[in-house]
Amino acid sequence: MGHHRVYSSNAEDSIGTSSVLSFYQINDSGYKEIFRYDADEHLVGIFQDRDSRGNLIVIWMAGSGYTFTIFSYINHNVLVVLEDESKMLPEFVYEDYIGRYDILVNRVDWMVDEKTGKHSLVPDSTAIYSWNDNHYNKVIVAWNKRFSSVLKKR
C-alpha cells in the first residue's frame, strides 16, 4: 500500500474483544489517519499480497469460523474490496512468474455418515476470487474441482 502504515489494536469492553485497524498516510508533519475499520472479531493475521498494488489481506476469527477482509488503495482512498467468511481458512494459489493469485474460500456443509450416524462438517463448494485491476471476480465451483478450475482459467 505504498507509503502508508497500518496499525491494529484490540480493546476489551463489556461484550468482549473488538479490533480496530487504522490506516495512516505519511506526510511532512508525520502520520495522518486516513481510514479506520472496526471489527467485532479477533485478529488472526495481516499480510500484503504479492501484487504490485499491495492489497492488504486481513483474517479474523469470529465464533466458530473465519472472516477475511481485503483492503486496497484506489484513487487515493483505502477501500474494502472484498469480505467473505468460512469455517475454514482461505487458500491462496499464486502464479509465481507474474505475481497473480487467486483466493479460494471453501464452504462446508453438515454430512451424516450412513454407517455410524455421525455428523461432521465437510467441504462442499469453493468461491474463487481473482483480482481484476480494481475488484475481485467471483466464480463458485465444487470443492473437489477448485484447483482444476483455477488451472483452467489460466
N, C-alpha and C. Protein backbone atom coordinates (compact mmCIF):
# COMPACT_ATOMS: atom_id res chain seq x y z
N MET A 1 0.81 -1.18 0.00
CA MET A 1 0.00 0.00 0.00
C MET A 1 0.87 1.26 0.00
N GLY A 2 2.02 1.21 -0.59
CA GLY A 2 2.85 2.38 -0.79
C GLY A 2 3.39 2.96 0.50
N HIS A 3 3.35 4.29 0.64
CA HIS A 3 3.89 5.00 1.80
C HIS A 3 2.82 5.15 2.87
N HIS A 4 2.29 4.03 3.29
CA HIS A 4 1.24 4.03 4.29
C HIS A 4 1.61 3.05 5.38
N ARG A 5 1.04 3.24 6.53
CA ARG A 5 1.26 2.34 7.65
C ARG A 5 -0.09 1.86 8.15
N VAL A 6 -0.10 0.67 8.70
CA VAL A 6 -1.32 0.10 9.25
C VAL A 6 -1.06 -0.21 10.70
N TYR A 7 -2.01 0.12 11.55
CA TYR A 7 -1.90 -0.13 12.97
C TYR A 7 -3.14 -0.88 13.42
N SER A 8 -2.94 -1.90 14.23
CA SER A 8 -4.05 -2.68 14.75
C SER A 8 -4.02 -2.67 16.26
N SER A 9 -5.19 -2.60 16.87
CA SER A 9 -5.26 -2.69 18.32
C SER A 9 -6.50 -3.47 18.71
N ASN A 10 -6.45 -4.02 19.91
CA ASN A 10 -7.59 -4.74 20.46
C ASN A 10 -8.06 -4.00 21.69
N ALA A 11 -9.37 -3.96 21.88
CA ALA A 11 -9.95 -3.33 23.07
C ALA A 11 -10.95 -4.29 23.67
N GLU A 12 -10.99 -4.34 24.98
CA GLU A 12 -11.94 -5.22 25.64
C GLU A 12 -12.98 -4.36 26.34
N ASP A 13 -14.25 -4.69 26.11
CA ASP A 13 -15.32 -3.98 26.78
C ASP A 13 -16.28 -5.00 27.38
N SER A 14 -17.46 -4.56 27.75
CA SER A 14 -18.41 -5.44 28.43
C SER A 14 -18.91 -6.59 27.57
N ILE A 15 -18.80 -6.47 26.25
CA ILE A 15 -19.28 -7.55 25.40
C ILE A 15 -18.15 -8.37 24.78
N GLY A 16 -16.91 -8.09 25.14
CA GLY A 16 -15.80 -8.89 24.63
C GLY A 16 -14.74 -8.05 23.97
N THR A 17 -13.95 -8.70 23.15
CA THR A 17 -12.83 -8.05 22.49
C THR A 17 -13.25 -7.59 21.10
N SER A 18 -12.84 -6.40 20.74
CA SER A 18 -13.04 -5.90 19.38
C SER A 18 -11.69 -5.46 18.84
N SER A 19 -11.58 -5.37 17.54
CA SER A 19 -10.33 -4.98 16.90
C SER A 19 -10.54 -3.72 16.09
N VAL A 20 -9.51 -2.89 16.05
CA VAL A 20 -9.53 -1.68 15.25
C VAL A 20 -8.32 -1.72 14.34
N LEU A 21 -8.54 -1.50 13.06
CA LEU A 21 -7.47 -1.45 12.09
C LEU A 21 -7.45 -0.03 11.53
N SER A 22 -6.34 0.68 11.73
CA SER A 22 -6.23 2.06 11.28
C SER A 22 -5.17 2.16 10.19
N PHE A 23 -5.45 2.93 9.17
CA PHE A 23 -4.53 3.17 8.07
C PHE A 23 -4.05 4.61 8.17
N TYR A 24 -2.74 4.78 8.08
CA TYR A 24 -2.14 6.11 8.19
C TYR A 24 -1.34 6.42 6.94
N GLN A 25 -1.36 7.70 6.56
CA GLN A 25 -0.55 8.17 5.45
C GLN A 25 0.58 9.02 6.02
N ILE A 26 1.76 8.84 5.48
CA ILE A 26 2.91 9.61 5.94
C ILE A 26 2.97 10.92 5.15
N ASN A 27 3.08 12.03 5.86
CA ASN A 27 3.28 13.32 5.20
C ASN A 27 4.38 14.08 5.95
N ASP A 28 4.66 15.32 5.57
CA ASP A 28 5.76 16.09 6.17
C ASP A 28 5.62 16.28 7.67
N SER A 29 4.40 16.31 8.17
CA SER A 29 4.20 16.56 9.60
C SER A 29 4.00 15.27 10.40
N GLY A 30 4.15 14.12 9.77
CA GLY A 30 4.02 12.85 10.48
C GLY A 30 2.97 11.94 9.87
N TYR A 31 2.23 11.27 10.74
CA TYR A 31 1.22 10.32 10.28
C TYR A 31 -0.17 10.92 10.42
N LYS A 32 -1.01 10.67 9.41
CA LYS A 32 -2.40 11.14 9.44
C LYS A 32 -3.30 9.93 9.16
N GLU A 33 -4.24 9.67 10.07
CA GLU A 33 -5.16 8.55 9.87
C GLU A 33 -6.06 8.85 8.67
N ILE A 34 -6.10 7.90 7.71
CA ILE A 34 -6.92 8.11 6.51
C ILE A 34 -8.07 7.13 6.41
N PHE A 35 -8.05 6.07 7.24
CA PHE A 35 -9.14 5.09 7.19
C PHE A 35 -9.12 4.28 8.47
N ARG A 36 -10.30 3.93 8.97
CA ARG A 36 -10.42 3.16 10.21
C ARG A 36 -11.46 2.07 9.99
N TYR A 37 -11.13 0.86 10.43
CA TYR A 37 -12.03 -0.28 10.28
C TYR A 37 -12.21 -0.93 11.65
N ASP A 38 -13.43 -0.98 12.14
CA ASP A 38 -13.75 -1.59 13.42
C ASP A 38 -14.35 -2.97 13.18
N ALA A 39 -13.88 -3.95 13.94
CA ALA A 39 -14.37 -5.32 13.78
C ALA A 39 -14.67 -5.92 15.15
N ASP A 40 -15.68 -6.75 15.21
CA ASP A 40 -16.02 -7.45 16.45
C ASP A 40 -15.28 -8.77 16.57
N GLU A 41 -14.49 -9.10 15.56
CA GLU A 41 -13.75 -10.35 15.53
C GLU A 41 -12.36 -10.18 16.13
N HIS A 42 -11.71 -11.31 16.39
CA HIS A 42 -10.33 -11.32 16.86
C HIS A 42 -9.40 -11.38 15.65
N LEU A 43 -8.38 -10.56 15.66
CA LEU A 43 -7.41 -10.52 14.57
C LEU A 43 -6.57 -11.80 14.57
N VAL A 44 -6.49 -12.46 13.41
CA VAL A 44 -5.67 -13.67 13.27
C VAL A 44 -4.39 -13.36 12.52
N GLY A 45 -4.47 -12.60 11.44
CA GLY A 45 -3.27 -12.29 10.67
C GLY A 45 -3.50 -11.20 9.65
N ILE A 46 -2.42 -10.50 9.33
CA ILE A 46 -2.43 -9.45 8.32
C ILE A 46 -1.25 -9.70 7.39
N PHE A 47 -1.50 -9.67 6.08
CA PHE A 47 -0.38 -9.73 5.16
C PHE A 47 -0.72 -9.01 3.87
N GLN A 48 0.30 -8.58 3.18
CA GLN A 48 0.16 -7.88 1.92
C GLN A 48 0.31 -8.88 0.79
N ASP A 49 -0.55 -8.77 -0.22
CA ASP A 49 -0.41 -9.70 -1.34
C ASP A 49 0.82 -9.37 -2.16
N ARG A 50 1.14 -10.23 -3.09
CA ARG A 50 2.36 -10.06 -3.88
C ARG A 50 2.17 -9.16 -5.08
N ASP A 51 0.96 -8.77 -5.37
CA ASP A 51 0.68 -7.88 -6.48
C ASP A 51 1.33 -6.53 -6.20
N SER A 52 1.74 -5.82 -7.25
CA SER A 52 2.40 -4.53 -7.07
C SER A 52 1.48 -3.52 -6.40
N ARG A 53 0.16 -3.70 -6.49
CA ARG A 53 -0.79 -2.80 -5.84
C ARG A 53 -0.67 -2.91 -4.33
N GLY A 54 -0.41 -4.10 -3.83
CA GLY A 54 -0.23 -4.30 -2.41
C GLY A 54 -1.51 -4.37 -1.61
N ASN A 55 -2.54 -5.04 -2.12
CA ASN A 55 -3.75 -5.21 -1.33
C ASN A 55 -3.39 -5.83 0.02
N LEU A 56 -4.10 -5.40 1.05
CA LEU A 56 -3.85 -5.88 2.39
C LEU A 56 -4.94 -6.89 2.75
N ILE A 57 -4.53 -8.10 3.11
CA ILE A 57 -5.45 -9.18 3.42
C ILE A 57 -5.44 -9.37 4.94
N VAL A 58 -6.63 -9.29 5.55
CA VAL A 58 -6.74 -9.41 6.99
C VAL A 58 -7.69 -10.56 7.31
N ILE A 59 -7.23 -11.46 8.17
CA ILE A 59 -8.04 -12.62 8.56
C ILE A 59 -8.43 -12.45 10.02
N TRP A 60 -9.71 -12.68 10.30
CA TRP A 60 -10.28 -12.53 11.64
C TRP A 60 -10.91 -13.86 12.05
N MET A 61 -10.99 -14.09 13.35
CA MET A 61 -11.72 -15.25 13.85
C MET A 61 -12.99 -14.74 14.52
N ALA A 62 -14.09 -15.33 14.11
CA ALA A 62 -15.40 -14.92 14.65
C ALA A 62 -16.18 -16.17 15.03
N GLY A 63 -16.28 -16.42 16.31
CA GLY A 63 -17.02 -17.59 16.76
C GLY A 63 -16.35 -18.86 16.30
N SER A 64 -17.06 -19.65 15.51
CA SER A 64 -16.52 -20.93 15.06
C SER A 64 -15.98 -20.87 13.63
N GLY A 65 -15.78 -19.69 13.11
CA GLY A 65 -15.28 -19.58 11.74
C GLY A 65 -14.37 -18.38 11.56
N TYR A 66 -14.04 -18.14 10.32
CA TYR A 66 -13.13 -17.06 9.96
C TYR A 66 -13.83 -16.09 9.02
N THR A 67 -13.47 -14.83 9.13
CA THR A 67 -13.86 -13.86 8.11
C THR A 67 -12.57 -13.26 7.58
N PHE A 68 -12.63 -12.78 6.38
CA PHE A 68 -11.47 -12.06 5.88
C PHE A 68 -11.92 -10.84 5.11
N THR A 69 -11.09 -9.82 5.22
CA THR A 69 -11.36 -8.53 4.61
C THR A 69 -10.12 -8.15 3.81
N ILE A 70 -10.34 -7.65 2.60
CA ILE A 70 -9.22 -7.20 1.79
C ILE A 70 -9.41 -5.72 1.50
N PHE A 71 -8.34 -4.97 1.77
CA PHE A 71 -8.33 -3.53 1.57
C PHE A 71 -7.42 -3.21 0.38
N SER A 72 -7.81 -2.19 -0.38
CA SER A 72 -6.99 -1.75 -1.50
C SER A 72 -6.92 -0.22 -1.48
N TYR A 73 -5.83 0.30 -1.97
CA TYR A 73 -5.65 1.74 -2.07
C TYR A 73 -5.91 2.13 -3.52
N ILE A 74 -7.09 2.71 -3.77
CA ILE A 74 -7.52 3.06 -5.12
C ILE A 74 -7.92 4.53 -5.15
N ASN A 75 -7.38 5.28 -6.11
CA ASN A 75 -7.70 6.71 -6.26
C ASN A 75 -7.55 7.48 -4.94
N HIS A 76 -6.45 7.24 -4.25
CA HIS A 76 -6.11 7.94 -3.01
C HIS A 76 -7.06 7.64 -1.86
N ASN A 77 -7.74 6.50 -1.92
CA ASN A 77 -8.64 6.08 -0.84
C ASN A 77 -8.41 4.63 -0.49
N VAL A 78 -8.50 4.30 0.80
CA VAL A 78 -8.48 2.92 1.24
C VAL A 78 -9.91 2.40 1.12
N LEU A 79 -10.07 1.31 0.40
CA LEU A 79 -11.40 0.73 0.18
C LEU A 79 -11.42 -0.72 0.61
N VAL A 80 -12.55 -1.17 1.13
CA VAL A 80 -12.77 -2.59 1.36
C VAL A 80 -13.22 -3.16 0.03
N VAL A 81 -12.40 -4.04 -0.56
CA VAL A 81 -12.72 -4.57 -1.89
C VAL A 81 -13.26 -6.00 -1.83
N LEU A 82 -13.15 -6.63 -0.66
CA LEU A 82 -13.70 -7.99 -0.54
C LEU A 82 -13.88 -8.34 0.93
N GLU A 83 -15.02 -8.93 1.24
CA GLU A 83 -15.28 -9.50 2.56
C GLU A 83 -15.99 -10.83 2.34
N ASP A 84 -15.56 -11.85 3.08
CA ASP A 84 -16.19 -13.16 2.98
C ASP A 84 -15.92 -13.90 4.28
N GLU A 85 -16.56 -15.05 4.44
CA GLU A 85 -16.39 -15.84 5.65
C GLU A 85 -16.50 -17.32 5.35
N SER A 86 -15.93 -18.13 6.24
CA SER A 86 -15.96 -19.57 6.08
C SER A 86 -15.58 -20.23 7.39
N LYS A 87 -15.92 -21.48 7.54
CA LYS A 87 -15.48 -22.26 8.70
C LYS A 87 -14.01 -22.67 8.53
N MET A 88 -13.49 -22.53 7.32
CA MET A 88 -12.11 -22.90 7.02
C MET A 88 -11.32 -21.65 6.65
N LEU A 89 -10.01 -21.68 6.90
CA LEU A 89 -9.16 -20.59 6.44
C LEU A 89 -9.14 -20.56 4.91
N PRO A 90 -9.02 -19.38 4.30
CA PRO A 90 -8.93 -19.32 2.85
C PRO A 90 -7.63 -19.93 2.35
N GLU A 91 -7.64 -20.39 1.10
CA GLU A 91 -6.44 -20.90 0.44
C GLU A 91 -6.02 -19.88 -0.60
N PHE A 92 -4.71 -19.78 -0.83
CA PHE A 92 -4.19 -18.84 -1.83
C PHE A 92 -3.39 -19.63 -2.84
N VAL A 93 -3.65 -19.38 -4.14
CA VAL A 93 -2.93 -20.04 -5.22
C VAL A 93 -2.25 -18.94 -6.03
N TYR A 94 -0.91 -19.01 -6.07
CA TYR A 94 -0.11 -17.99 -6.75
C TYR A 94 0.43 -18.49 -8.08
N GLU A 95 0.60 -17.54 -9.01
CA GLU A 95 1.36 -17.77 -10.23
C GLU A 95 2.66 -16.98 -10.06
N ASP A 96 3.73 -17.67 -9.76
CA ASP A 96 4.98 -17.01 -9.41
C ASP A 96 5.51 -16.05 -10.45
N TYR A 97 5.41 -16.40 -11.71
CA TYR A 97 6.09 -15.59 -12.72
C TYR A 97 5.43 -14.24 -12.96
N ILE A 98 4.17 -14.03 -12.54
CA ILE A 98 3.56 -12.71 -12.72
C ILE A 98 3.00 -12.14 -11.43
N GLY A 99 3.05 -12.88 -10.35
CA GLY A 99 2.58 -12.37 -9.08
C GLY A 99 1.08 -12.37 -8.90
N ARG A 100 0.34 -12.94 -9.82
CA ARG A 100 -1.11 -13.00 -9.71
C ARG A 100 -1.50 -14.14 -8.77
N TYR A 101 -2.62 -14.00 -8.12
CA TYR A 101 -3.06 -15.03 -7.20
C TYR A 101 -4.58 -15.14 -7.22
N ASP A 102 -5.07 -16.25 -6.75
CA ASP A 102 -6.50 -16.47 -6.56
C ASP A 102 -6.72 -16.80 -5.09
N ILE A 103 -7.86 -16.39 -4.57
CA ILE A 103 -8.24 -16.71 -3.19
C ILE A 103 -9.37 -17.72 -3.26
N LEU A 104 -9.19 -18.82 -2.55
CA LEU A 104 -10.19 -19.88 -2.54
C LEU A 104 -10.84 -19.92 -1.16
N VAL A 105 -12.14 -19.66 -1.13
CA VAL A 105 -12.90 -19.68 0.12
C VAL A 105 -13.81 -20.89 0.07
N ASN A 106 -13.50 -21.85 0.94
CA ASN A 106 -14.23 -23.12 0.93
C ASN A 106 -15.44 -23.06 1.84
N ARG A 107 -16.55 -23.55 1.34
CA ARG A 107 -17.79 -23.66 2.11
C ARG A 107 -17.91 -25.08 2.62
N VAL A 108 -18.49 -25.23 3.78
CA VAL A 108 -18.68 -26.57 4.35
C VAL A 108 -20.16 -26.80 4.60
N ASP A 109 -20.52 -28.07 4.71
CA ASP A 109 -21.89 -28.44 4.99
C ASP A 109 -21.87 -29.66 5.91
N TRP A 110 -22.92 -29.83 6.70
CA TRP A 110 -23.02 -30.99 7.58
C TRP A 110 -23.39 -32.22 6.77
N MET A 111 -22.67 -33.30 7.00
CA MET A 111 -22.97 -34.58 6.35
C MET A 111 -23.14 -35.63 7.44
N VAL A 112 -23.96 -36.63 7.16
CA VAL A 112 -24.19 -37.72 8.10
C VAL A 112 -23.59 -38.99 7.51
N ASP A 113 -22.72 -39.63 8.28
CA ASP A 113 -22.16 -40.92 7.86
C ASP A 113 -23.27 -41.96 7.98
N GLU A 114 -23.60 -42.60 6.87
CA GLU A 114 -24.71 -43.55 6.85
C GLU A 114 -24.47 -44.76 7.75
N LYS A 115 -23.23 -45.15 7.93
CA LYS A 115 -22.92 -46.32 8.77
C LYS A 115 -22.95 -46.00 10.26
N THR A 116 -22.34 -44.86 10.63
CA THR A 116 -22.21 -44.54 12.05
C THR A 116 -23.24 -43.53 12.55
N GLY A 117 -23.86 -42.81 11.64
CA GLY A 117 -24.81 -41.77 12.03
C GLY A 117 -24.13 -40.51 12.54
N LYS A 118 -22.80 -40.47 12.48
CA LYS A 118 -22.04 -39.32 12.97
C LYS A 118 -22.17 -38.13 12.02
N HIS A 119 -22.38 -36.94 12.59
CA HIS A 119 -22.44 -35.70 11.82
C HIS A 119 -21.05 -35.08 11.77
N SER A 120 -20.67 -34.58 10.62
CA SER A 120 -19.39 -33.89 10.50
C SER A 120 -19.47 -32.84 9.41
N LEU A 121 -18.62 -31.82 9.55
CA LEU A 121 -18.53 -30.78 8.54
C LEU A 121 -17.56 -31.23 7.45
N VAL A 122 -17.98 -31.13 6.20
CA VAL A 122 -17.11 -31.48 5.09
C VAL A 122 -17.17 -30.37 4.04
N PRO A 123 -16.05 -30.14 3.35
CA PRO A 123 -16.06 -29.12 2.29
C PRO A 123 -17.08 -29.47 1.21
N ASP A 124 -17.78 -28.44 0.74
CA ASP A 124 -18.86 -28.63 -0.22
C ASP A 124 -18.59 -27.90 -1.53
N SER A 125 -18.36 -26.59 -1.43
CA SER A 125 -18.11 -25.77 -2.62
C SER A 125 -17.04 -24.75 -2.30
N THR A 126 -16.54 -24.10 -3.35
CA THR A 126 -15.47 -23.11 -3.20
C THR A 126 -15.80 -21.87 -4.03
N ALA A 127 -15.66 -20.71 -3.41
CA ALA A 127 -15.73 -19.44 -4.14
C ALA A 127 -14.29 -19.07 -4.49
N ILE A 128 -14.04 -18.87 -5.77
CA ILE A 128 -12.71 -18.49 -6.25
C ILE A 128 -12.75 -17.01 -6.61
N TYR A 129 -11.89 -16.23 -5.95
CA TYR A 129 -11.80 -14.80 -6.20
C TYR A 129 -10.51 -14.49 -6.94
N SER A 130 -10.63 -13.70 -8.02
CA SER A 130 -9.46 -13.29 -8.81
C SER A 130 -9.48 -11.77 -8.94
N TRP A 131 -8.33 -11.14 -8.68
CA TRP A 131 -8.22 -9.69 -8.76
C TRP A 131 -8.26 -9.24 -10.21
N ASN A 132 -9.03 -8.17 -10.48
CA ASN A 132 -9.17 -7.64 -11.83
C ASN A 132 -9.03 -6.11 -11.79
N ASP A 133 -7.82 -5.63 -11.56
CA ASP A 133 -7.45 -4.21 -11.55
C ASP A 133 -8.03 -3.38 -10.41
N ASN A 134 -9.32 -3.48 -10.11
CA ASN A 134 -9.89 -2.69 -9.01
C ASN A 134 -11.01 -3.42 -8.27
N HIS A 135 -11.20 -4.70 -8.55
CA HIS A 135 -12.22 -5.50 -7.88
C HIS A 135 -11.88 -6.99 -8.04
N TYR A 136 -12.62 -7.82 -7.34
CA TYR A 136 -12.44 -9.26 -7.45
C TYR A 136 -13.59 -9.87 -8.24
N ASN A 137 -13.24 -10.75 -9.17
CA ASN A 137 -14.24 -11.56 -9.86
C ASN A 137 -14.45 -12.81 -9.03
N LYS A 138 -15.69 -13.33 -9.01
CA LYS A 138 -16.02 -14.49 -8.19
C LYS A 138 -16.64 -15.59 -9.05
N VAL A 139 -16.14 -16.81 -8.86
CA VAL A 139 -16.69 -18.00 -9.51
C VAL A 139 -16.88 -19.05 -8.43
N ILE A 140 -18.01 -19.74 -8.44
CA ILE A 140 -18.25 -20.81 -7.46
C ILE A 140 -18.16 -22.15 -8.16
N VAL A 141 -17.38 -23.06 -7.57
CA VAL A 141 -17.18 -24.39 -8.14
C VAL A 141 -17.32 -25.43 -7.03
N ALA A 142 -17.43 -26.70 -7.43
CA ALA A 142 -17.43 -27.78 -6.45
C ALA A 142 -16.06 -27.81 -5.76
N TRP A 143 -16.05 -28.12 -4.46
CA TRP A 143 -14.81 -28.11 -3.69
C TRP A 143 -13.74 -29.00 -4.31
N ASN A 144 -14.11 -30.20 -4.75
CA ASN A 144 -13.11 -31.12 -5.30
C ASN A 144 -12.63 -30.70 -6.70
N LYS A 145 -13.19 -29.66 -7.27
CA LYS A 145 -12.77 -29.15 -8.58
C LYS A 145 -12.05 -27.81 -8.47
N ARG A 146 -11.77 -27.33 -7.25
CA ARG A 146 -11.26 -25.97 -7.08
C ARG A 146 -9.91 -25.76 -7.73
N PHE A 147 -8.98 -26.69 -7.61
CA PHE A 147 -7.66 -26.48 -8.20
C PHE A 147 -7.68 -26.65 -9.71
N SER A 148 -8.43 -27.60 -10.21
CA SER A 148 -8.52 -27.76 -11.67
C SER A 148 -9.24 -26.56 -12.28
N SER A 149 -10.18 -25.95 -11.57
CA SER A 149 -10.87 -24.76 -12.08
C SER A 149 -9.92 -23.56 -12.14
N VAL A 150 -9.06 -23.42 -11.16
CA VAL A 150 -8.07 -22.34 -11.17
C VAL A 150 -7.12 -22.52 -12.35
N LEU A 151 -6.66 -23.74 -12.56
CA LEU A 151 -5.73 -24.01 -13.67
C LEU A 151 -6.39 -23.77 -15.02
N LYS A 152 -7.66 -24.13 -15.17
CA LYS A 152 -8.36 -23.95 -16.45
C LYS A 152 -8.46 -22.50 -16.86
N LYS A 153 -8.72 -21.63 -15.90
CA LYS A 153 -8.92 -20.22 -16.26
C LYS A 153 -7.62 -19.51 -16.59
N ARG A 154 -6.50 -20.17 -16.33
CA ARG A 154 -5.21 -19.54 -16.63
C ARG A 154 -4.80 -19.97 -17.99
